[in-house]
Amino acid sequence: MLRLKVSDRFTKPDGSDKPDKLKRMWFLAQLLKAVELDKNADGMKLSCNAVAGEIIVECPRMKLRPTMQNAFEKLLSVLCGMSNLDLHLKDRPIVEGDQWNFNFLAQRLNNDFSEEANRFAFNHCLFLSVYHSVGKISSYSSLLSKYHQQFIDHVQQLRWFVNKSDDQLQKMFTSDKIDQDTRRKLLHHLLLLPDCKNTTQLVDLVYEDLKDQYYIIEPSCWSYRLAFKVPPGQPLPGHKEKIRNALLEQGLQYASRRVRNDKDLVLPTIAKHPNDLQYVSRGLKNDRDVVMAAVTQQGEQLQYASPDFQDNVDVVRAAVAQHSYAMRYASERIRSDKSIIETLIADGIGLLFYVKEEFLKDRDYLLRLIGHNPYAFMFADFWLQNDPAFIASAIDANPGVWEYIPSPIKTELESARSQYKSQTESFQTKAPSARSSDSDVCSSVKSRKFNNTGCFPVVPLFNPLIRTVAHSVHLHVLNVIPPDFHLVPNRRQA
C-alpha cells in the first residue's frame, strides 16, 4: 500500500488562518487524481488531520514496487508545480463563498459538493496557474489528460491575446481552432478575473442568442452556466430602469454590448463611475458629453477617449486640469505643439513629464515656461539644470526657481551670496567721495569681471557656476543699491 502525508504550517488549530494553504492542499489532492497517481482512481482515499496540519493520500490497492516507483515520480512532478501557488491563491476564490478550514477541506476532499462544482473549481485552479504563470506547470502538464493539455494550451494563448487589442482577443475567441465548448469554459473563467476588464464583450460571441440584448452579467457564478443580475428578454422601458439602477450601483463592466452603446444609460453611469469609460462602446467614446463626464472627474480616462478627442485641445485641457498625467494620452500633435503646451501649463505643470524630450532641452522655451511657473525648472534637461548661465537666466525670469535649484549648488550659492552681502555693506559704509571715486570697482561688478582685490576682500570664487549666478542677482546696481535691498531673492511657492 502507498501512503503519503502532505503537511503545512498553520497557527490556528482549524487552519482558518491560512486558507491559501488549504486551497493548495485541495488542488494537490485533485491533481493527484487527474494525473492518475493510482490507476484505480476509486481506490484512492483522501483524508486530513487537523492536529498535524496535513492531508493523507492512501492507495491501498497499490502492491507492486514498479507501480509505486511510477507513482512516486508522478508525485515529485506534481509537487514541483505547487511552488508559491498558495501565495497566489490567497486573495483569489476558487469555490463559491471561498470559506476554508480543515472541516471544509475534509468535506471537499470527500466530494460533499456537486461534481460540476468540483470540476469547475479544479479547472479554475489550473486556469489561474497557467494564466498567471504560477509554479512549474510543465512539470506535470504532460501527465494530464489530452483534454486538460489542450485546455492549458488555450489558456496560454488567451493570456497572450488578453494583453493585445480587443479586436485580437475577439479574433482568438472566434477562431476555428477552439471548439464551442472550450470557448465557453474559457469565457466563464475569464469572467471571474477582476483584472480582465473587457470580458463581457465576448459573451455575445459565445452565446449568439444574446446578441443585441439588454442584460447585466452576474460574474460570481461558479459553474459553466451564465447567471444574470438583470436578465435579458424583458419588456422595455421598465427593463431599462432596472438596468439603470444596476449600472449606478456597480458600473458598466458586466453590461452587455447593447447597454454599453445606449447613451441614456451610459451617460449617468459615467457621471457616477468615470473610470468605466473603458467599457463604453466605440461610438460613445467619440461622444463629447460622455468623454467630458469622465475626464473632468478622472483626467487619465483620456486614454479611453477616441483619437479625435485625444486631439481636441478643450478636452485635453479639461483632462489635464483634473490630472496632469492625462497629457500622456494626448495626441502627438498636441504634445508636439509648444504654444498649446504653454497654454495648458497653468492647468498642471506635471504635463511636462509627457511632452517631447527635445522641448526640455530648448533653453528659450523653458525660460518662458519658468516665467509662468518656477517648478518648470525641475523638468529641464540635466545639463541645463547644471548650466550656470541657464540658472542665472532662470532666476532672472522667476526668482521662485531658487526653491528648485539642486541642493549642492544652492548651498554654494548661499555661501557666496552671504559673502557678497557682507562685502556690499562694507562698501556702503565707505565715504561718499570714496564710493563715487571707486569707479573701477563698480565697473568691474557691472561687467562681472571683479577680482579679489580693493574693497572686496572675498574668498576666491573659483566655481564658475557660483561666479556666474552670484553676479547675475542684481549686483550691477551696487552703486545705487537701496538700503532695504536683499541679495537673496524672495522665495515664492510653486
Protein backbone atom coordinates (compact mmCIF):
# COMPACT_ATOMS: atom_id res chain seq x y z
CA MET A 1 0.00 0.00 0.00
CA LEU A 2 1.20 3.51 -0.82
CA ARG A 3 0.55 6.08 1.92
CA LEU A 4 1.53 9.75 1.58
CA LYS A 5 1.32 12.63 4.03
CA VAL A 6 1.44 16.23 2.85
CA SER A 7 1.72 18.81 5.63
CA ASP A 8 1.99 22.57 6.06
CA ARG A 9 2.24 25.07 8.90
CA PHE A 10 -0.82 26.68 10.49
CA THR A 11 -1.29 28.91 13.54
CA LYS A 12 -4.93 28.17 14.31
CA PRO A 13 -5.94 24.56 15.01
CA ASP A 14 -8.64 24.61 12.33
CA GLY A 15 -6.28 26.08 9.70
CA SER A 16 -8.58 29.05 9.01
CA ASP A 17 -5.66 31.47 9.34
CA LYS A 18 -4.10 30.07 6.12
CA PRO A 19 -6.95 29.46 3.63
CA ASP A 20 -4.44 29.78 0.77
CA LYS A 21 -2.53 26.73 2.04
CA LEU A 22 -5.76 24.75 2.39
CA LYS A 23 -6.67 25.63 -1.20
CA ARG A 24 -3.29 24.40 -2.35
CA MET A 25 -3.77 21.13 -0.42
CA TRP A 26 -7.17 20.63 -2.06
CA PHE A 27 -5.80 21.35 -5.55
CA LEU A 28 -2.86 18.99 -4.92
CA ALA A 29 -5.26 16.17 -4.00
CA GLN A 30 -7.36 16.80 -7.12
CA LEU A 31 -4.24 16.98 -9.27
CA LEU A 32 -3.03 13.59 -7.97
CA LYS A 33 -6.35 12.18 -9.14
CA ALA A 34 -6.06 13.91 -12.52
CA VAL A 35 -2.55 12.52 -13.20
CA GLU A 36 -3.79 9.08 -12.10
CA LEU A 37 -1.38 8.57 -9.24
CA ASP A 38 -3.33 5.37 -8.76
CA LYS A 39 -4.69 3.88 -11.97
CA ASN A 40 -7.55 2.60 -9.89
CA ALA A 41 -8.92 6.04 -9.01
CA ASP A 42 -11.74 4.58 -6.92
CA GLY A 43 -9.14 3.03 -4.66
CA MET A 44 -7.50 6.35 -3.70
CA LYS A 45 -8.55 7.57 -0.26
CA LEU A 46 -8.14 11.18 0.89
CA SER A 47 -8.41 12.47 4.44
CA CYS A 48 -6.98 15.25 6.58
CA ASN A 49 -5.50 15.52 10.05
CA ALA A 50 -6.17 18.98 11.51
CA VAL A 51 -3.93 18.41 14.54
CA ALA A 52 -0.91 17.62 12.36
CA GLY A 53 -1.90 20.12 9.66
CA GLU A 54 -1.74 17.51 6.92
CA ILE A 55 -3.67 15.62 4.30
CA ILE A 56 -3.25 11.88 3.85
CA VAL A 57 -3.34 10.10 0.49
CA GLU A 58 -3.70 6.33 0.56
CA CYS A 59 -3.62 3.87 -2.33
CA PRO A 60 -4.39 0.56 -0.58
CA ARG A 61 -4.55 -1.47 -3.79
CA MET A 62 -1.10 -0.46 -4.95
CA LYS A 63 1.10 -3.50 -4.33
CA LEU A 64 3.86 -3.74 -6.92
CA ARG A 65 7.12 -1.88 -6.42
CA PRO A 66 7.37 -0.60 -10.08
CA THR A 67 3.86 0.84 -9.73
CA MET A 68 4.85 2.60 -6.51
CA GLN A 69 8.01 3.89 -8.17
CA ASN A 70 5.95 5.33 -11.03
CA ALA A 71 3.52 6.91 -8.58
CA PHE A 72 6.38 8.45 -6.62
CA GLU A 73 7.81 10.00 -9.80
CA LYS A 74 4.41 11.50 -10.62
CA LEU A 75 4.16 12.87 -7.10
CA LEU A 76 7.51 14.65 -7.40
CA SER A 77 6.47 16.16 -10.74
CA VAL A 78 3.21 17.45 -9.27
CA LEU A 79 4.90 18.87 -6.16
CA CYS A 80 7.26 20.90 -8.39
CA GLY A 81 4.21 22.68 -9.79
CA MET A 82 2.92 23.67 -6.34
CA SER A 83 5.67 26.20 -5.63
CA ASN A 84 4.23 29.56 -4.44
CA LEU A 85 0.73 28.57 -5.55
CA ASP A 86 -0.57 29.28 -2.04
CA LEU A 87 0.64 32.89 -2.23
CA HIS A 88 -1.19 33.37 -5.49
CA LEU A 89 -4.43 31.80 -4.25
CA LYS A 90 -4.51 33.92 -1.10
CA ASP A 91 -6.95 36.53 -2.40
CA ARG A 92 -8.43 34.53 -5.28
CA PRO A 93 -11.57 32.49 -4.58
CA ILE A 94 -11.85 29.10 -6.25
CA VAL A 95 -15.25 28.00 -4.91
CA GLU A 96 -18.45 29.85 -4.07
CA GLY A 97 -18.16 31.50 -0.66
CA ASP A 98 -14.49 30.52 -0.51
CA GLN A 99 -14.56 29.68 3.21
CA TRP A 100 -11.74 27.36 4.22
CA ASN A 101 -10.79 25.39 7.33
CA PHE A 102 -9.92 21.74 7.90
CA ASN A 103 -13.57 20.80 8.30
CA PHE A 104 -14.47 22.29 4.92
CA LEU A 105 -11.35 20.74 3.38
CA ALA A 106 -12.41 17.30 4.59
CA GLN A 107 -15.89 17.80 3.10
CA ARG A 108 -14.46 18.90 -0.24
CA LEU A 109 -11.97 16.04 -0.33
CA ASN A 110 -14.86 13.64 0.20
CA ASN A 111 -16.82 15.18 -2.68
CA ASP A 112 -19.50 16.66 -0.46
CA PHE A 113 -20.35 19.19 -3.17
CA SER A 114 -21.51 18.57 -6.72
CA GLU A 115 -19.34 17.01 -9.37
CA GLU A 116 -19.88 20.05 -11.61
CA ALA A 117 -18.73 22.46 -8.86
CA ASN A 118 -15.76 20.21 -8.13
CA ARG A 119 -14.75 20.10 -11.80
CA PHE A 120 -15.16 23.87 -12.20
CA ALA A 121 -13.04 24.58 -9.09
CA PHE A 122 -10.24 22.27 -10.29
CA ASN A 123 -10.26 23.79 -13.78
CA HIS A 124 -10.25 27.28 -12.29
CA CYS A 125 -7.16 26.49 -10.19
CA LEU A 126 -5.50 25.10 -13.30
CA PHE A 127 -6.61 28.18 -15.26
CA LEU A 128 -5.15 30.55 -12.64
CA SER A 129 -1.87 28.63 -12.50
CA VAL A 130 -1.41 28.85 -16.27
CA TYR A 131 -2.84 32.34 -16.81
CA HIS A 132 -0.63 33.88 -14.11
CA SER A 133 2.36 31.57 -14.71
CA VAL A 134 2.41 30.31 -11.13
CA GLY A 135 4.50 27.24 -10.37
CA LYS A 136 6.11 25.00 -12.94
CA ILE A 137 3.12 23.82 -14.97
CA SER A 138 5.32 21.99 -17.45
CA SER A 139 6.47 19.63 -14.69
CA TYR A 140 3.11 17.87 -14.65
CA SER A 141 1.13 19.02 -17.72
CA SER A 142 2.27 16.02 -19.78
CA LEU A 143 0.78 13.72 -17.13
CA LEU A 144 -2.71 15.18 -17.55
CA SER A 145 -5.37 14.01 -19.96
CA LYS A 146 -5.39 15.23 -23.55
CA TYR A 147 -8.39 17.42 -22.73
CA HIS A 148 -6.53 19.21 -19.92
CA GLN A 149 -3.39 19.58 -22.04
CA GLN A 150 -5.46 21.32 -24.74
CA PHE A 151 -7.11 23.45 -22.04
CA ILE A 152 -3.65 24.58 -20.84
CA ASP A 153 -2.60 25.41 -24.42
CA HIS A 154 -5.72 27.54 -24.95
CA VAL A 155 -5.19 29.40 -21.65
CA GLN A 156 -1.60 30.19 -22.65
CA GLN A 157 -2.83 31.63 -25.95
CA LEU A 158 -5.57 33.52 -24.16
CA ARG A 159 -3.06 35.10 -21.78
CA TRP A 160 -1.16 36.49 -24.75
CA PHE A 161 -4.25 37.83 -26.57
CA VAL A 162 -5.78 39.46 -23.48
CA ASN A 163 -2.83 41.86 -23.38
CA LYS A 164 -3.40 42.80 -27.01
CA SER A 165 -6.26 44.75 -28.56
CA ASP A 166 -9.93 43.88 -28.11
CA ASP A 167 -10.12 43.01 -31.81
CA GLN A 168 -7.35 40.43 -31.49
CA LEU A 169 -8.97 38.89 -28.43
CA GLN A 170 -12.28 38.56 -30.27
CA LYS A 171 -10.49 37.05 -33.26
CA MET A 172 -8.90 34.45 -31.00
CA PHE A 173 -12.28 33.57 -29.47
CA THR A 174 -13.92 33.10 -32.85
CA SER A 175 -11.07 31.00 -34.21
CA ASP A 176 -11.90 27.57 -35.60
CA LYS A 177 -9.04 26.17 -33.52
CA ILE A 178 -11.22 26.42 -30.40
CA ASP A 179 -14.40 24.38 -30.19
CA GLN A 180 -17.57 25.94 -28.81
CA ASP A 181 -17.45 24.05 -25.52
CA THR A 182 -13.87 25.13 -24.73
CA ARG A 183 -14.68 28.70 -25.79
CA ARG A 184 -17.49 28.87 -23.25
CA LYS A 185 -15.37 27.42 -20.47
CA LEU A 186 -12.56 29.92 -21.09
CA LEU A 187 -15.13 32.74 -21.02
CA HIS A 188 -16.52 31.68 -17.64
CA HIS A 189 -13.05 31.54 -16.08
CA LEU A 190 -12.19 34.94 -17.55
CA LEU A 191 -15.35 36.46 -16.09
CA LEU A 192 -14.04 35.66 -12.60
CA LEU A 193 -10.80 37.61 -13.09
CA PRO A 194 -11.15 41.15 -11.67
CA ASP A 195 -8.20 42.39 -13.73
CA CYS A 196 -9.68 41.18 -17.05
CA LYS A 197 -11.85 44.19 -17.77
CA ASN A 198 -13.50 43.66 -21.13
CA THR A 199 -14.57 40.03 -20.95
CA THR A 200 -18.30 40.75 -21.12
CA GLN A 201 -17.97 41.91 -24.71
CA LEU A 202 -17.13 38.28 -25.58
CA VAL A 203 -20.45 36.96 -24.27
CA ASP A 204 -22.30 37.87 -27.48
CA LEU A 205 -19.70 35.95 -29.48
CA VAL A 206 -20.06 32.80 -27.39
CA TYR A 207 -23.82 32.97 -26.77
CA GLU A 208 -25.25 34.11 -30.09
CA ASP A 209 -28.82 34.19 -28.74
CA LEU A 210 -27.80 37.13 -26.50
CA LYS A 211 -26.80 39.46 -29.34
CA ASP A 212 -28.41 42.93 -29.19
CA GLN A 213 -29.99 42.18 -25.82
CA TYR A 214 -30.15 44.37 -22.71
CA TYR A 215 -28.71 42.47 -19.73
CA ILE A 216 -26.09 42.56 -16.96
CA ILE A 217 -23.98 39.51 -16.09
CA GLU A 218 -23.60 38.21 -12.53
CA PRO A 219 -19.86 37.35 -12.53
CA SER A 220 -19.65 35.30 -9.33
CA CYS A 221 -21.23 32.18 -10.77
CA TRP A 222 -19.04 29.15 -10.03
CA SER A 223 -20.24 26.99 -12.88
CA TYR A 224 -20.29 26.82 -16.66
CA ARG A 225 -23.71 28.45 -16.81
CA LEU A 226 -24.39 32.17 -17.19
CA ALA A 227 -26.10 34.00 -14.34
CA PHE A 228 -27.64 37.46 -14.65
CA LYS A 229 -28.03 40.37 -12.31
CA VAL A 230 -30.55 41.74 -14.80
CA PRO A 231 -31.65 39.02 -17.28
CA PRO A 232 -32.35 39.62 -20.97
CA GLY A 233 -35.67 39.35 -22.76
CA GLN A 234 -37.67 41.70 -20.52
CA PRO A 235 -40.11 44.32 -21.93
CA LEU A 236 -38.93 47.92 -22.18
CA PRO A 237 -38.94 50.59 -20.72
CA GLY A 238 -39.32 49.04 -17.26
CA HIS A 239 -36.41 46.76 -18.07
CA LYS A 240 -34.14 49.73 -18.83
CA GLU A 241 -35.00 51.25 -15.48
CA LYS A 242 -33.79 48.09 -13.71
CA ILE A 243 -30.62 48.19 -15.78
CA ARG A 244 -30.08 51.88 -15.00
CA ASN A 245 -30.32 51.21 -11.26
CA ALA A 246 -27.93 48.26 -11.51
CA LEU A 247 -25.44 50.33 -13.52
CA LEU A 248 -25.47 53.13 -10.97
CA GLU A 249 -24.71 50.53 -8.32
CA GLN A 250 -21.94 48.53 -9.99
CA GLY A 251 -20.90 50.29 -13.21
CA LEU A 252 -20.57 49.05 -16.78
CA GLN A 253 -18.05 46.20 -16.54
CA TYR A 254 -20.62 43.39 -16.76
CA ALA A 255 -23.12 45.16 -19.02
CA SER A 256 -23.98 43.83 -22.49
CA ARG A 257 -22.81 45.48 -25.70
CA ARG A 258 -26.28 46.89 -26.30
CA VAL A 259 -26.24 48.56 -22.89
CA ARG A 260 -22.76 49.99 -23.47
CA ASN A 261 -23.97 51.64 -26.64
CA ASP A 262 -27.06 53.29 -25.12
CA LYS A 263 -26.22 56.90 -24.27
CA ASP A 264 -29.26 57.28 -22.00
CA LEU A 265 -27.85 54.50 -19.81
CA VAL A 266 -24.15 55.22 -20.24
CA LEU A 267 -24.05 58.97 -19.51
CA PRO A 268 -25.48 58.85 -15.94
CA THR A 269 -23.34 55.78 -15.24
CA ILE A 270 -20.14 57.54 -16.33
CA ALA A 271 -21.12 60.56 -14.24
CA LYS A 272 -21.03 58.28 -11.18
CA HIS A 273 -18.35 55.82 -12.35
CA PRO A 274 -15.93 57.88 -14.51
CA ASN A 275 -13.38 55.05 -14.55
CA ASP A 276 -15.81 52.99 -16.64
CA LEU A 277 -15.16 54.93 -19.85
CA GLN A 278 -13.06 51.94 -20.96
CA TYR A 279 -16.22 49.80 -21.17
CA VAL A 280 -18.17 52.24 -23.33
CA SER A 281 -18.80 51.38 -26.99
CA ARG A 282 -16.54 52.88 -29.64
CA GLY A 283 -19.34 55.12 -30.81
CA LEU A 284 -19.86 56.67 -27.36
CA LYS A 285 -16.12 57.06 -26.83
CA ASN A 286 -16.49 59.61 -29.61
CA ASP A 287 -19.38 61.39 -27.85
CA ARG A 288 -18.32 64.69 -26.27
CA ASP A 289 -20.81 64.54 -23.39
CA VAL A 290 -19.72 61.05 -22.35
CA VAL A 291 -15.99 61.77 -22.65
CA MET A 292 -16.18 65.07 -20.77
CA ALA A 293 -18.21 63.44 -17.99
CA ALA A 294 -15.29 61.06 -17.49
CA VAL A 295 -12.18 63.24 -17.95
CA THR A 296 -13.42 66.12 -15.81
CA GLN A 297 -13.52 63.70 -12.87
CA GLN A 298 -10.67 61.35 -13.80
CA GLY A 299 -8.26 63.02 -16.21
CA GLU A 300 -6.38 59.83 -17.07
CA GLN A 301 -9.58 58.46 -18.64
CA LEU A 302 -8.47 60.41 -21.69
CA GLN A 303 -6.63 57.21 -22.67
CA TYR A 304 -10.01 55.59 -23.49
CA ALA A 305 -11.42 58.51 -25.46
CA SER A 306 -11.50 58.34 -29.25
CA PRO A 307 -8.44 59.63 -31.18
CA ASP A 308 -10.49 62.66 -32.21
CA PHE A 309 -10.95 63.76 -28.60
CA GLN A 310 -7.35 62.94 -27.68
CA ASP A 311 -6.54 65.54 -30.34
CA ASN A 312 -9.08 68.08 -29.05
CA VAL A 313 -7.44 70.91 -27.10
CA ASP A 314 -10.52 71.65 -24.98
CA VAL A 315 -10.95 68.01 -23.95
CA VAL A 316 -7.23 67.63 -23.23
CA ARG A 317 -7.27 70.85 -21.20
CA ALA A 318 -10.18 69.55 -19.10
CA ALA A 319 -8.35 66.26 -18.53
CA VAL A 320 -5.03 67.91 -17.66
CA ALA A 321 -6.76 70.32 -15.28
CA GLN A 322 -8.01 67.27 -13.35
CA HIS A 323 -4.72 65.36 -13.52
CA SER A 324 -1.55 66.34 -15.38
CA TYR A 325 -0.90 62.62 -16.05
CA ALA A 326 -3.61 62.87 -18.72
CA MET A 327 -1.12 64.65 -21.00
CA ARG A 328 0.45 61.26 -21.60
CA TYR A 329 -2.64 60.28 -23.62
CA ALA A 330 -2.96 63.46 -25.66
CA SER A 331 -2.32 63.18 -29.38
CA GLU A 332 1.14 63.53 -30.87
CA ARG A 333 0.10 66.85 -32.39
CA ILE A 334 -0.81 68.37 -29.03
CA ARG A 335 2.26 67.01 -27.26
CA SER A 336 4.38 68.46 -30.08
CA ASP A 337 2.86 71.96 -30.12
CA LYS A 338 4.79 74.39 -27.93
CA SER A 339 2.10 77.04 -27.98
CA ILE A 340 -0.59 74.57 -26.84
CA ILE A 341 1.64 73.25 -24.07
CA GLU A 342 2.29 76.81 -22.91
CA THR A 343 -1.46 77.46 -22.62
CA LEU A 344 -2.05 74.16 -20.81
CA ILE A 345 0.75 74.55 -18.28
CA ALA A 346 -1.42 76.64 -15.97
CA ASP A 347 -3.70 73.60 -15.58
CA GLY A 348 -0.93 71.26 -14.49
CA ILE A 349 2.82 71.71 -14.61
CA GLY A 350 3.26 67.93 -14.37
CA LEU A 351 2.23 67.60 -18.01
CA LEU A 352 5.86 68.39 -18.89
CA PHE A 353 6.63 64.77 -18.00
CA TYR A 354 4.89 63.78 -21.23
CA VAL A 355 5.99 66.37 -23.78
CA LYS A 356 8.70 65.71 -26.32
CA GLU A 357 12.15 65.37 -24.77
CA GLU A 358 13.63 67.90 -27.19
CA PHE A 359 11.37 70.60 -25.67
CA LEU A 360 13.09 70.12 -22.32
CA LYS A 361 16.41 70.96 -23.97
CA ASP A 362 15.10 74.16 -25.55
CA ARG A 363 16.65 76.93 -23.45
CA ASP A 364 14.45 79.83 -24.53
CA TYR A 365 11.21 77.83 -24.41
CA LEU A 366 11.90 76.57 -20.89
CA LEU A 367 12.70 80.07 -19.67
CA ARG A 368 9.28 81.16 -20.92
CA LEU A 369 7.64 78.29 -19.05
CA ILE A 370 9.64 79.10 -15.91
CA GLY A 371 8.28 82.62 -16.16
CA HIS A 372 4.80 81.07 -15.76
CA ASN A 373 5.78 78.56 -13.09
CA PRO A 374 9.20 78.17 -11.45
CA TYR A 375 8.63 74.43 -11.00
CA ALA A 376 9.18 74.06 -14.75
CA PHE A 377 12.89 74.20 -13.89
CA MET A 378 12.56 70.66 -12.48
CA PHE A 379 11.70 69.32 -15.94
CA ALA A 380 14.66 70.91 -17.69
CA ASP A 381 17.31 68.67 -19.18
CA PHE A 382 20.02 67.63 -16.70
CA TRP A 383 22.67 69.69 -18.45
CA LEU A 384 20.51 72.81 -18.36
CA GLN A 385 19.84 72.33 -14.64
CA ASN A 386 23.58 72.46 -14.09
CA ASP A 387 24.36 75.18 -16.60
CA PRO A 388 25.46 78.40 -14.79
CA ALA A 389 24.15 80.70 -17.50
CA PHE A 390 20.77 78.93 -17.63
CA ILE A 391 20.38 79.03 -13.84
CA ALA A 392 21.18 82.74 -13.87
CA SER A 393 18.60 83.38 -16.60
CA ALA A 394 16.04 81.24 -14.78
CA ILE A 395 16.47 83.24 -11.57
CA ASP A 396 16.00 86.45 -13.55
CA ALA A 397 12.88 85.02 -15.20
CA ASN A 398 11.35 83.87 -11.92
CA PRO A 399 13.08 84.20 -8.51
CA GLY A 400 10.94 81.31 -7.27
CA VAL A 401 13.29 78.99 -9.17
CA TRP A 402 15.59 79.26 -6.16
CA GLU A 403 13.48 76.59 -4.42
CA TYR A 404 14.29 74.05 -7.12
CA ILE A 405 18.00 74.57 -7.71
CA PRO A 406 19.94 71.39 -6.81
CA SER A 407 20.91 71.40 -3.12
CA PRO A 408 24.73 71.26 -3.55
CA ILE A 409 24.63 74.23 -5.90
CA LYS A 410 22.19 76.09 -3.65
CA THR A 411 24.48 75.60 -0.64
CA GLU A 412 27.41 77.11 -2.50
CA LEU A 413 25.28 79.98 -3.75
CA GLU A 414 24.00 80.71 -0.23
CA SER A 415 27.57 80.94 0.99
CA ALA A 416 28.63 83.17 -1.89
CA ARG A 417 25.64 85.47 -1.51
CA SER A 418 26.25 85.81 2.21
CA GLN A 419 29.78 86.95 1.50
CA TYR A 420 28.58 89.35 -1.17
CA LYS A 421 26.09 90.84 1.26
CA SER A 422 28.73 91.50 3.90
CA GLN A 423 31.04 92.97 1.25
CA THR A 424 28.24 95.22 -0.02
CA GLU A 425 27.54 96.51 3.48
CA SER A 426 31.25 97.25 3.86
CA PHE A 427 31.22 99.07 0.56
CA GLN A 428 28.22 101.20 1.58
CA THR A 429 29.90 102.33 4.81
CA LYS A 430 32.68 103.99 2.87
CA ALA A 431 32.60 107.77 2.50
CA PRO A 432 30.53 109.00 -0.44
CA SER A 433 33.63 110.52 -2.02
CA ALA A 434 35.48 107.25 -1.73
CA ARG A 435 32.49 105.31 -3.09
CA SER A 436 32.00 107.59 -6.08
CA SER A 437 35.68 107.61 -6.87
CA ASP A 438 35.84 103.83 -6.87
CA SER A 439 34.63 103.67 -10.46
CA ASP A 440 36.92 100.80 -11.30
CA VAL A 441 35.25 98.52 -8.74
CA CYS A 442 31.74 99.48 -9.85
CA SER A 443 32.52 98.96 -13.50
CA SER A 444 34.13 95.60 -12.73
CA VAL A 445 30.95 94.50 -10.90
CA LYS A 446 28.81 95.66 -13.77
CA SER A 447 30.92 93.80 -16.28
CA ARG A 448 31.17 90.72 -13.99
CA LYS A 449 34.95 90.81 -14.02
CA PHE A 450 35.85 91.82 -10.46
CA ASN A 451 38.90 90.37 -8.72
CA ASN A 452 39.50 89.63 -5.05
CA THR A 453 41.24 92.96 -4.52
CA GLY A 454 40.46 96.50 -3.43
CA CYS A 455 37.38 96.98 -1.29
CA PHE A 456 36.06 93.43 -1.96
CA PRO A 457 38.11 91.15 0.34
CA VAL A 458 36.21 87.97 -0.64
CA VAL A 459 37.27 84.37 -0.74
CA PRO A 460 38.20 83.16 -4.24
CA LEU A 461 35.18 82.32 -6.36
CA PHE A 462 36.75 79.59 -8.41
CA ASN A 463 33.45 77.77 -9.12
CA PRO A 464 32.24 79.16 -12.48
CA LEU A 465 28.64 78.34 -11.61
CA ILE A 466 28.72 80.40 -8.41
CA ARG A 467 30.57 83.20 -10.14
CA THR A 468 28.03 83.41 -12.96
CA VAL A 469 24.88 83.11 -10.85
CA ALA A 470 26.06 85.26 -7.99
CA HIS A 471 26.91 88.06 -10.42
CA SER A 472 23.54 87.74 -12.07
CA VAL A 473 21.48 88.60 -9.00
CA HIS A 474 21.28 92.36 -9.38
CA LEU A 475 24.90 93.10 -8.42
CA HIS A 476 25.03 95.53 -11.33
CA VAL A 477 23.08 98.02 -9.20
CA LEU A 478 25.53 98.06 -6.29
CA ASN A 479 26.48 101.68 -6.94
CA VAL A 480 22.85 102.73 -6.42
CA ILE A 481 21.70 99.95 -4.08
CA PRO A 482 18.80 100.97 -1.81
CA PRO A 483 19.08 100.41 1.97
CA ASP A 484 16.36 97.71 2.04
CA PHE A 485 17.71 95.69 -0.93
CA HIS A 486 18.37 91.96 -0.26
CA LEU A 487 20.66 89.92 -2.44
CA VAL A 488 18.80 86.70 -1.57
CA PRO A 489 15.65 86.74 -3.73
CA ASN A 490 12.22 86.42 -2.23
CA ARG A 491 11.19 82.77 -2.31
CA ARG A 492 7.86 82.06 -3.82
CA GLN A 493 5.97 78.80 -3.65
CA ALA A 494 5.49 76.98 -6.96
